C-alpha atoms as a PDB file:
ATOM      1  CA  MET A   1      17.305 -20.980   3.674  1.00  0.00           C
ATOM      2  CA  GLN A   2      17.323 -20.609   7.431  1.00  0.00           C
ATOM      3  CA  GLN A   3      15.572 -23.014   9.785  1.00  0.00           C
ATOM      4  CA  ASP A   4      12.745 -20.581  10.495  1.00  0.00           C
ATOM      5  CA  SER A   5      12.173 -19.691   6.822  1.00  0.00           C
ATOM      6  CA  VAL A   6      10.366 -21.136   3.817  1.00  0.00           C
ATOM      7  CA  LEU A   7      11.313 -21.221   0.204  1.00  0.00           C
ATOM      8  CA  ILE A   8       8.619 -19.561  -1.943  1.00  0.00           C
ATOM      9  CA  ARG A   9       7.972 -20.038  -5.659  1.00  0.00           C
ATOM     10  CA  VAL A  10       7.112 -16.425  -6.562  1.00  0.00           C
ATOM     11  CA  ARG A  11       3.858 -16.043  -8.417  1.00  0.00           C
ATOM     12  CA  ALA A  12       3.738 -12.263  -8.250  1.00  0.00           C
ATOM     13  CA  ALA A  13       5.806  -9.413  -6.783  1.00  0.00           C
ATOM     14  CA  GLY A  14       4.622  -5.891  -6.082  1.00  0.00           C
ATOM     15  CA  LEU A  15       6.535  -2.741  -6.907  1.00  0.00           C
ATOM     16  CA  ASN A  16       6.742   0.200  -4.557  1.00  0.00           C
ATOM     17  CA  PRO A  17       8.294   3.719  -4.758  1.00  0.00           C
ATOM     18  CA  ALA A  18      10.963   2.530  -2.323  1.00  0.00           C
ATOM     19  CA  ASP A  19      12.258   0.154  -5.032  1.00  0.00           C
ATOM     20  CA  ASN A  20      13.171   3.149  -7.204  1.00  0.00           C
ATOM     21  CA  ALA A  21      14.629   5.023  -4.264  1.00  0.00           C
ATOM     22  CA  ILE A  22      16.834   2.048  -3.417  1.00  0.00           C
ATOM     23  CA  ARG A  23      18.017   1.789  -7.028  1.00  0.00           C
ATOM     24  CA  ALA A  24      18.849   5.554  -6.989  1.00  0.00           C
ATOM     25  CA  GLY A  25      20.771   5.208  -3.716  1.00  0.00           C
ATOM     26  CA  ALA A  26      18.401   7.561  -1.895  1.00  0.00           C
ATOM     27  CA  LEU A  27      18.033   5.149   1.060  1.00  0.00           C
ATOM     28  CA  ALA A  28      21.717   4.299   1.390  1.00  0.00           C
ATOM     29  CA  GLU A  29      22.062   6.089   4.733  1.00  0.00           C
ATOM     30  CA  ALA A  30      18.748   4.783   6.094  1.00  0.00           C
ATOM     31  CA  MET A  31      19.300   1.083   5.450  1.00  0.00           C
ATOM     32  CA  ASP A  32      22.213  -1.343   5.532  1.00  0.00           C
ATOM     33  CA  THR A  33      22.797  -2.947   2.140  1.00  0.00           C
ATOM     34  CA  LEU A  34      24.482  -6.180   1.145  1.00  0.00           C
ATOM     35  CA  PHE A  35      25.248  -6.173  -2.603  1.00  0.00           C
ATOM     36  CA  PRO A  36      24.171  -7.510  -5.011  1.00  0.00           C
ATOM     37  CA  VAL A  37      20.675  -6.379  -3.997  1.00  0.00           C
ATOM     38  CA  VAL A  38      17.539  -8.007  -5.334  1.00  0.00           C
ATOM     39  CA  PRO A  39      14.727  -5.450  -4.979  1.00  0.00           C
ATOM     40  CA  GLY A  40      11.185  -6.052  -3.885  1.00  0.00           C
ATOM     41  CA  TRP A  41       9.341  -6.151  -0.557  1.00  0.00           C
ATOM     42  CA  ASP A  42       5.951  -7.511  -1.592  1.00  0.00           C
ATOM     43  CA  VAL A  43       5.536 -11.201  -2.477  1.00  0.00           C
ATOM     44  CA  ALA A  44       2.813 -13.686  -3.281  1.00  0.00           C
ATOM     45  CA  GLY A  45       3.645 -17.289  -3.983  1.00  0.00           C
ATOM     46  CA  VAL A  46       3.557 -20.969  -3.106  1.00  0.00           C
ATOM     47  CA  VAL A  47       5.670 -22.633  -0.391  1.00  0.00           C
ATOM     48  CA  GLU A  48       8.074 -25.108  -2.004  1.00  0.00           C
ATOM     49  CA  GLN A  49       9.992 -26.108   1.094  1.00  0.00           C
ATOM     50  CA  ALA A  50       9.739 -25.311   4.781  1.00  0.00           C
ATOM     51  CA  GLY A  51      12.694 -25.098   7.128  1.00  0.00           C
ATOM     52  CA  PRO A  52      12.767 -27.351  10.190  1.00  0.00           C
ATOM     53  CA  GLY A  53      11.675 -24.495  12.454  1.00  0.00           C
ATOM     54  CA  ALA A  54       8.947 -23.259  10.127  1.00  0.00           C
ATOM     55  CA  ALA A  55       6.002 -25.423  11.265  1.00  0.00           C
ATOM     56  CA  GLU A  56       3.480 -22.653  10.382  1.00  0.00           C
ATOM     57  CA  PHE A  57       3.571 -23.634   6.705  1.00  0.00           C
ATOM     58  CA  VAL A  58       3.908 -26.704   4.556  1.00  0.00           C
ATOM     59  CA  GLU A  59       4.677 -27.352   0.915  1.00  0.00           C
ATOM     60  CA  GLY A  60       1.854 -26.051  -1.282  1.00  0.00           C
ATOM     61  CA  ASP A  61       0.655 -23.348   1.035  1.00  0.00           C
ATOM     62  CA  GLU A  62      -0.220 -20.054  -0.736  1.00  0.00           C
ATOM     63  CA  VAL A  63       1.240 -17.081   1.127  1.00  0.00           C
ATOM     64  CA  ILE A  64       1.861 -13.377   0.903  1.00  0.00           C
ATOM     65  CA  GLY A  65       4.482 -11.422   2.682  1.00  0.00           C
ATOM     66  CA  TYR A  66       6.246  -8.124   3.444  1.00  0.00           C
ATOM     67  CA  LEU A  67       9.920  -9.003   3.049  1.00  0.00           C
ATOM     68  CA  ARG A  68      11.558  -5.822   4.224  1.00  0.00           C
ATOM     69  CA  GLU A  69      14.518  -6.915   6.428  1.00  0.00           C
ATOM     70  CA  SER A  70      17.009  -4.890   8.370  1.00  0.00           C
ATOM     71  CA  VAL A  71      19.622  -5.504   5.684  1.00  0.00           C
ATOM     72  CA  LEU A  72      18.691  -5.132   2.040  1.00  0.00           C
ATOM     73  CA  HIS A  73      19.769  -8.165   0.088  1.00  0.00           C
ATOM     74  CA  HIS A  74      17.208 -10.725  -1.058  1.00  0.00           C
ATOM     75  CA  GLY A  75      13.932  -9.331  -2.393  1.00  0.00           C
ATOM     76  CA  SER A  76      10.910 -10.515  -4.302  1.00  0.00           C
ATOM     77  CA  TYR A  77      12.022  -9.686  -7.867  1.00  0.00           C
ATOM     78  CA  ALA A  78      12.856 -13.366  -8.260  1.00  0.00           C
ATOM     79  CA  GLU A  79      11.575 -16.804  -9.244  1.00  0.00           C
ATOM     80  CA  LEU A  80      12.344 -18.200  -5.809  1.00  0.00           C
ATOM     81  CA  VAL A  81      12.851 -16.379  -2.532  1.00  0.00           C
ATOM     82  CA  SER A  82      13.565 -17.485   1.038  1.00  0.00           C
ATOM     83  CA  ALA A  83      11.331 -15.715   3.568  1.00  0.00           C
ATOM     84  CA  PRO A  84      11.251 -15.860   7.363  1.00  0.00           C
ATOM     85  CA  VAL A  85       7.900 -17.091   8.632  1.00  0.00           C
ATOM     86  CA  HIS A  86       7.442 -13.911  10.721  1.00  0.00           C
ATOM     87  CA  THR A  87       7.002 -11.981   7.398  1.00  0.00           C
ATOM     88  CA  LEU A  88       4.239 -14.186   5.976  1.00  0.00           C
ATOM     89  CA  VAL A  89       0.453 -14.818   6.184  1.00  0.00           C
ATOM     90  CA  ARG A  90      -1.810 -16.920   4.086  1.00  0.00           C
ATOM     91  CA  LYS A  91      -2.941 -15.497   0.786  1.00  0.00           C
ATOM     92  CA  PRO A  92      -6.569 -14.273   0.588  1.00  0.00           C
ATOM     93  CA  SER A  93      -8.389 -17.123  -1.074  1.00  0.00           C
ATOM     94  CA  ASN A  94     -10.430 -14.932  -3.433  1.00  0.00           C
ATOM     95  CA  ALA A  95      -7.593 -12.664  -4.580  1.00  0.00           C
ATOM     96  CA  SER A  96      -5.639 -13.095  -7.803  1.00  0.00           C
ATOM     97  CA  TRP A  97      -1.888 -13.483  -7.463  1.00  0.00           C
ATOM     98  CA  ALA A  98      -1.395  -9.940  -8.707  1.00  0.00           C
ATOM     99  CA  GLN A  99      -3.877  -8.565  -6.185  1.00  0.00           C
ATOM    100  CA  ALA A 100      -2.308 -10.599  -3.394  1.00  0.00           C
ATOM    101  CA  ALA A 101       1.150  -9.243  -4.232  1.00  0.00           C
ATOM    102  CA  GLY A 102      -0.178  -5.685  -4.190  1.00  0.00           C
ATOM    103  CA  LEU A 103      -1.517  -5.922  -0.654  1.00  0.00           C
ATOM    104  CA  PRO A 104       1.350  -6.059   1.889  1.00  0.00           C
ATOM    105  CA  LEU A 105       3.196  -2.793   1.849  1.00  0.00           C
ATOM    106  CA  ALA A 106       0.403  -0.583   0.487  1.00  0.00           C
ATOM    107  CA  GLY A 107      -2.115  -2.287   2.795  1.00  0.00           C
ATOM    108  CA  LEU A 108       0.016  -2.015   5.895  1.00  0.00           C
ATOM    109  CA  THR A 109       0.731   1.726   5.169  1.00  0.00           C
ATOM    110  CA  ALA A 110      -2.956   2.444   4.653  1.00  0.00           C
ATOM    111  CA  TYR A 111      -4.155   0.336   7.594  1.00  0.00           C
ATOM    112  CA  GLN A 112      -1.664   1.716  10.057  1.00  0.00           C
ATOM    113  CA  GLY A 113      -2.341   5.333   8.958  1.00  0.00           C
ATOM    114  CA  MET A 114      -6.078   5.087   8.838  1.00  0.00           C
ATOM    115  CA  VAL A 115      -6.792   2.659  11.724  1.00  0.00           C
ATOM    116  CA  HIS A 116      -3.979   3.163  14.206  1.00  0.00           C
ATOM    117  CA  HIS A 117      -3.229   6.860  13.727  1.00  0.00           C
ATOM    118  CA  LEU A 118      -6.349   8.553  12.410  1.00  0.00           C
ATOM    119  CA  ARG A 119      -8.726   6.164  14.168  1.00  0.00           C
ATOM    120  CA  VAL A 120     -11.584   7.085  11.935  1.00  0.00           C
ATOM    121  CA  ALA A 121     -15.014   6.623  13.503  1.00  0.00           C
ATOM    122  CA  PRO A 122     -18.479   6.102  11.893  1.00  0.00           C
ATOM    123  CA  GLY A 123     -20.070   9.328  10.811  1.00  0.00           C
ATOM    124  CA  GLU A 124     -16.822  11.258  10.402  1.00  0.00           C
ATOM    125  CA  THR A 125     -15.730  12.892   7.135  1.00  0.00           C
ATOM    126  CA  VAL A 126     -12.311  11.883   5.769  1.00  0.00           C
ATOM    127  CA  LEU A 127     -10.324  13.433   2.948  1.00  0.00           C
ATOM    128  CA  VAL A 128      -7.981  11.039   1.167  1.00  0.00           C
ATOM    129  CA  HIS A 129      -5.441  12.543  -1.239  1.00  0.00           C
ATOM    130  CA  ALA A 130      -4.455  10.328  -4.225  1.00  0.00           C
ATOM    131  CA  ALA A 131      -7.424   8.148  -3.446  1.00  0.00           C
ATOM    132  CA  SER A 132      -7.104   6.175  -6.701  1.00  0.00           C
ATOM    133  CA  GLY A 133      -3.489   5.090  -6.106  1.00  0.00           C
ATOM    134  CA  GLY A 134      -2.099   1.937  -4.502  1.00  0.00           C
ATOM    135  CA  VAL A 135      -2.086   3.198  -0.961  1.00  0.00           C
ATOM    136  CA  GLY A 136      -4.865   5.818  -1.210  1.00  0.00           C
ATOM    137  CA  SER A 137      -7.421   3.456  -2.660  1.00  0.00           C
ATOM    138  CA  ILE A 138      -6.894   1.029   0.274  1.00  0.00           C
ATOM    139  CA  ALA A 139      -7.043   3.853   2.780  1.00  0.00           C
ATOM    140  CA  ALA A 140     -10.294   5.135   1.176  1.00  0.00           C
ATOM    141  CA  GLN A 141     -11.878   1.664   1.400  1.00  0.00           C
ATOM    142  CA  LEU A 142     -10.868   1.268   5.032  1.00  0.00           C
ATOM    143  CA  ALA A 143     -12.532   4.589   5.859  1.00  0.00           C
ATOM    144  CA  VAL A 144     -15.669   3.646   3.924  1.00  0.00           C
ATOM    145  CA  ALA A 145     -15.791   0.306   5.818  1.00  0.00           C
ATOM    146  CA  THR A 146     -15.845   2.178   9.128  1.00  0.00           C
ATOM    147  CA  GLY A 147     -18.941   4.093   8.083  1.00  0.00           C
ATOM    148  CA  ALA A 148     -17.167   7.383   7.361  1.00  0.00           C
ATOM    149  CA  THR A 149     -18.015   9.781   4.545  1.00  0.00           C
ATOM    150  CA  VAL A 150     -14.981   9.791   2.248  1.00  0.00           C
ATOM    151  CA  ILE A 151     -13.887  12.455  -0.179  1.00  0.00           C
ATOM    152  CA  GLY A 152     -11.034  11.465  -2.472  1.00  0.00           C
ATOM    153  CA  THR A 153      -8.802  13.528  -4.714  1.00  0.00           C
ATOM    154  CA  ALA A 154      -7.986  12.098  -8.129  1.00  0.00           C
ATOM    155  CA  SER A 155      -7.670  12.968 -11.767  1.00  0.00           C
ATOM    156  CA  GLY A 156     -10.971  13.050 -13.700  1.00  0.00           C
ATOM    157  CA  GLY A 157     -10.335   9.727 -15.346  1.00  0.00           C
ATOM    158  CA  ASN A 158     -10.404   7.980 -11.991  1.00  0.00           C
ATOM    159  CA  HIS A 159     -13.647   9.495 -10.652  1.00  0.00           C
ATOM    160  CA  ASP A 160     -15.865   6.617 -11.771  1.00  0.00           C
ATOM    161  CA  TYR A 161     -13.505   4.193 -10.014  1.00  0.00           C
ATOM    162  CA  LEU A 162     -13.704   6.146  -6.771  1.00  0.00           C
ATOM    163  CA  ARG A 163     -17.564   6.281  -6.986  1.00  0.00           C
ATOM    164  CA  SER A 164     -17.496   2.474  -7.303  1.00  0.00           C
ATOM    165  CA  LEU A 165     -15.745   2.394  -3.916  1.00  0.00           C
ATOM    166  CA  GLY A 166     -18.288   4.690  -2.282  1.00  0.00           C
ATOM    167  CA  VAL A 167     -15.927   7.663  -2.391  1.00  0.00           C
ATOM    168  CA  SER A 168     -16.974  11.192  -3.470  1.00  0.00           C
ATOM    169  CA  PRO A 169     -14.348  12.329  -5.986  1.00  0.00           C
ATOM    170  CA  VAL A 170     -12.834  15.747  -6.414  1.00  0.00           C
ATOM    171  CA  THR A 171     -10.271  16.858  -9.002  1.00  0.00           C
ATOM    172  CA  TYR A 172      -6.725  17.972  -8.256  1.00  0.00           C
ATOM    173  CA  GLY A 173      -5.604  21.494  -9.152  1.00  0.00           C
ATOM    174  CA  PRO A 174      -6.444  25.154  -8.363  1.00  0.00           C
ATOM    175  CA  GLY A 175      -9.594  25.571  -6.360  1.00  0.00           C
ATOM    176  CA  LEU A 176      -9.207  22.134  -4.675  1.00  0.00           C
ATOM    177  CA  ALA A 177      -9.971  23.479  -1.199  1.00  0.00           C
ATOM    178  CA  GLU A 178     -13.147  25.088  -2.408  1.00  0.00           C
ATOM    179  CA  ARG A 179     -14.278  21.889  -4.112  1.00  0.00           C
ATOM    180  CA  VAL A 180     -13.677  19.917  -0.925  1.00  0.00           C
ATOM    181  CA  ARG A 181     -15.479  22.571   1.172  1.00  0.00           C
ATOM    182  CA  ALA A 182     -18.480  22.215  -1.136  1.00  0.00           C
ATOM    183  CA  ARG A 183     -18.656  18.492  -0.280  1.00  0.00           C
ATOM    184  CA  ALA A 184     -17.963  19.075   3.445  1.00  0.00           C
ATOM    185  CA  PRO A 185     -19.242  22.509   4.440  1.00  0.00           C
ATOM    186  CA  GLU A 186     -18.517  21.900   8.091  1.00  0.00           C
ATOM    187  CA  GLY A 187     -15.008  20.672   7.387  1.00  0.00           C
ATOM    188  CA  VAL A 188     -13.329  17.263   7.478  1.00  0.00           C
ATOM    189  CA  ASP A 189     -12.383  15.315  10.575  1.00  0.00           C
ATOM    190  CA  ALA A 190      -9.321  13.633   9.158  1.00  0.00           C
ATOM    191  CA  ILE A 191      -6.955  13.843   6.213  1.00  0.00           C
ATOM    192  CA  PHE A 192      -4.912  10.983   4.739  1.00  0.00           C
ATOM    193  CA  ASP A 193      -2.281  12.224   2.383  1.00  0.00           C
ATOM    194  CA  ALA A 194      -0.922   9.693  -0.096  1.00  0.00           C
ATOM    195  CA  ALA A 195      -0.124  12.352  -2.724  1.00  0.00           C
ATOM    196  CA  GLY A 196       2.534  14.554  -1.277  1.00  0.00           C
ATOM    197  CA  ARG A 197       3.685  17.557  -3.299  1.00  0.00           C
ATOM    198  CA  GLY A 198       2.005  20.001  -0.974  1.00  0.00           C
ATOM    199  CA  ALA A 199      -1.462  18.429  -0.994  1.00  0.00           C
ATOM    200  CA  LEU A 200      -1.876  18.832   2.750  1.00  0.00           C
ATOM    201  CA  ALA A 201      -0.839  22.484   2.669  1.00  0.00           C
ATOM    202  CA  ASP A 202      -3.393  23.056  -0.104  1.00  0.00           C
ATOM    203  CA  THR A 203      -6.254  21.613   1.912  1.00  0.00           C
ATOM    204  CA  VAL A 204      -5.427  22.206   5.591  1.00  0.00           C
ATOM    205  CA  GLU A 205      -8.048  24.988   5.654  1.00  0.00           C
ATOM    206  CA  VAL A 206     -10.818  22.476   5.033  1.00  0.00           C
ATOM    207  CA  GLY A 207     -10.120  20.674   8.333  1.00  0.00           C
ATOM    208  CA  LYS A 208     -12.159  21.146  11.484  1.00  0.00           C
ATOM    209  CA  PRO A 209     -10.398  22.895  14.387  1.00  0.00           C
ATOM    210  CA  HIS A 210      -8.913  19.601  15.677  1.00  0.00           C
ATOM    211  CA  VAL A 211      -8.457  17.890  12.345  1.00  0.00           C
ATOM    212  CA  ARG A 212      -6.285  14.811  12.400  1.00  0.00           C
ATOM    213  CA  ALA A 213      -3.822  14.300   9.576  1.00  0.00           C
ATOM    214  CA  VAL A 214      -1.316  11.719   8.448  1.00  0.00           C
ATOM    215  CA  THR A 215       0.962  11.683   5.440  1.00  0.00           C
ATOM    216  CA  VAL A 216       2.778   8.854   3.706  1.00  0.00           C
ATOM    217  CA  ALA A 217       4.354  11.056   1.051  1.00  0.00           C
ATOM    218  CA  ASP A 218       5.297  14.371   2.523  1.00  0.00           C
ATOM    219  CA  VAL A 219       6.385  16.352   5.619  1.00  0.00           C
ATOM    220  CA  HIS A 220       3.935  18.803   7.156  1.00  0.00           C
ATOM    221  CA  PRO A 221       3.653  20.482  10.543  1.00  0.00           C
ATOM    222  CA  GLY A 222       0.780  18.865  12.537  1.00  0.00           C
ATOM    223  CA  ALA A 223       0.647  15.713  10.384  1.00  0.00           C
ATOM    224  CA  THR A 224       1.995  12.389  11.436  1.00  0.00           C
ATOM    225  CA  ALA A 225       4.337  10.704   8.980  1.00  0.00           C
ATOM    226  CA  VAL A 226       3.423   7.060   8.486  1.00  0.00           C
ATOM    227  CA  TYR A 227       5.683   4.288   7.202  1.00  0.00           C
ATOM    228  CA  ALA A 228       4.672   0.660   6.845  1.00  0.00           C
ATOM    229  CA  ARG A 229       5.733  -1.543   9.739  1.00  0.00           C
ATOM    230  CA  LEU A 230       5.475  -5.301   9.566  1.00  0.00           C
ATOM    231  CA  ASP A 231       2.592  -6.424  11.807  1.00  0.00           C
ATOM    232  CA  LEU A 232       1.058  -9.787  11.049  1.00  0.00           C
ATOM    233  CA  ASP A 233      -2.151  -8.982  12.936  1.00  0.00           C
ATOM    234  CA  ASP A 234      -2.624  -5.943  10.638  1.00  0.00           C
ATOM    235  CA  LEU A 235      -1.815  -7.965   7.550  1.00  0.00           C
ATOM    236  CA  ARG A 236      -4.270 -10.733   8.582  1.00  0.00           C
ATOM    237  CA  ALA A 237      -6.939  -8.112   9.170  1.00  0.00           C
ATOM    238  CA  LEU A 238      -6.410  -6.848   5.626  1.00  0.00           C
ATOM    239  CA  THR A 239      -6.625 -10.382   4.191  1.00  0.00           C
ATOM    240  CA  ARG A 240      -9.902 -10.936   6.064  1.00  0.00           C
ATOM    241  CA  MET A 241     -11.332  -7.770   4.581  1.00  0.00           C
ATOM    242  CA  VAL A 242     -10.325  -8.948   1.058  1.00  0.00           C
ATOM    243  CA  GLU A 243     -11.982 -12.300   1.672  1.00  0.00           C
ATOM    244  CA  ALA A 244     -15.104 -10.599   3.001  1.00  0.00           C
ATOM    245  CA  GLY A 245     -15.359  -8.495  -0.151  1.00  0.00           C
ATOM    246  CA  ASP A 246     -14.790  -5.243   1.783  1.00  0.00           C
ATOM    247  CA  LEU A 247     -11.389  -4.491   0.195  1.00  0.00           C
ATOM    248  CA  THR A 248     -10.118  -4.778  -3.389  1.00  0.00           C
ATOM    249  CA  ILE A 249      -6.628  -4.201  -4.653  1.00  0.00           C
ATOM    250  CA  ARG A 250      -6.437  -2.153  -7.870  1.00  0.00           C
ATOM    251  CA  ILE A 251      -3.879  -3.364 -10.417  1.00  0.00           C
ATOM    252  CA  GLY A 252      -2.505  -0.660 -12.669  1.00  0.00           C
ATOM    253  CA  ALA A 253      -0.142  -2.767 -14.786  1.00  0.00           C
ATOM    254  CA  THR A 254       1.672  -6.112 -14.859  1.00  0.00           C
ATOM    255  CA  PHE A 255       5.081  -6.941 -16.333  1.00  0.00           C
ATOM    256  CA  PRO A 256       6.989 -10.215 -16.722  1.00  0.00           C
ATOM    257  CA  LEU A 257       9.963 -10.462 -14.427  1.00  0.00           C
ATOM    258  CA  GLU A 258      12.472  -9.928 -17.274  1.00  0.00           C
ATOM    259  CA  ARG A 259      10.949  -6.469 -17.817  1.00  0.00           C
ATOM    260  CA  ALA A 260      11.443  -5.285 -14.289  1.00  0.00           C
ATOM    261  CA  THR A 261      13.354  -2.292 -15.610  1.00  0.00           C
ATOM    262  CA  ASP A 262      10.301  -1.213 -17.652  1.00  0.00           C
ATOM    263  CA  ALA A 263       8.107  -1.763 -14.632  1.00  0.00           C
ATOM    264  CA  GLN A 264      10.248   0.558 -12.498  1.00  0.00           C
ATOM    265  CA  ARG A 265      10.216   3.198 -15.211  1.00  0.00           C
ATOM    266  CA  THR A 266       6.436   3.007 -15.389  1.00  0.00           C
ATOM    267  CA  LEU A 267       6.265   3.337 -11.594  1.00  0.00           C
ATOM    268  CA  GLU A 268       8.603   6.300 -11.705  1.00  0.00           C
ATOM    269  CA  SER A 269       6.494   8.045 -14.374  1.00  0.00           C
ATOM    270  CA  GLY A 270       3.490   8.219 -12.051  1.00  0.00           C
ATOM    271  CA  HIS A 271       1.115   7.622 -14.912  1.00  0.00           C
ATOM    272  CA  THR A 272      -0.459   4.407 -13.670  1.00  0.00           C
ATOM    273  CA  SER A 273      -3.180   4.224 -11.041  1.00  0.00           C
ATOM    274  CA  GLY A 274      -3.070   1.123  -8.810  1.00  0.00           C
ATOM    275  CA  LYS A 275      -0.300  -1.302  -8.091  1.00  0.00           C
ATOM    276  CA  ILE A 276       2.391  -2.382 -10.632  1.00  0.00           C
ATOM    277  CA  ILE A 277       3.088  -6.081 -10.436  1.00  0.00           C
ATOM    278  CA  LEU A 278       5.805  -8.442 -11.731  1.00  0.00           C
ATOM    279  CA  THR A 279       4.876 -11.989 -12.747  1.00  0.00           C
ATOM    280  CA  PRO A 280       7.148 -14.969 -13.580  1.00  0.00           C
END
């Protein structure tokens, strides 16, 4: 443990698609790696020990963090993890450990895409693709919180969930653009794509002439690609929203740490809505 780090007893760790990409070697050229690699960028836990230069936290503090470092080595799939203080904020007091662990990467991705790039304003209409997923559900709630009208794409089984968030649901598949147009006859002001697989191309025609678009899952001309960047101000803003009751984190499944392989397989299958979480 370095002097500006704390030792965390992990209470929950969030899975992300990047974990599977790292395992498959797909990010080998993009990131330096020091083997053996412990996966996991999202953590929620309790401070067991603080380094001499880590005055921000003391033993017993409950924290969450985004542990992505420049070199992949020590991640959150662990019982204990050392984390620099610049990666951590205090855990939302009203969130479960699983919900807290599901917030950092998905929340930062959604917040930076919706707030910093799309800059959604009250009264605008926003289309969120994959609105019931880990990133999409947070993005949709952020847009609702601004006073926007939000249309969300999802499978039929997730429509009631989206309605509970204040989102107008539409079903994937042929005719999607027509279904969106029926909800927004004048077009949408902004599109947040958390689905990929051509979702933007399928719905670009429903945008107004100067539609703004971001994607976290695809590449498309005219859309800004967004990747989570560690920003403690953004992460604290998200925790405040959770504590105010304006943001909830949907948990799709939890697995004990020893079943991390099963958890990654479930993530890879794409059959679970919400975050997948590891617990001790």
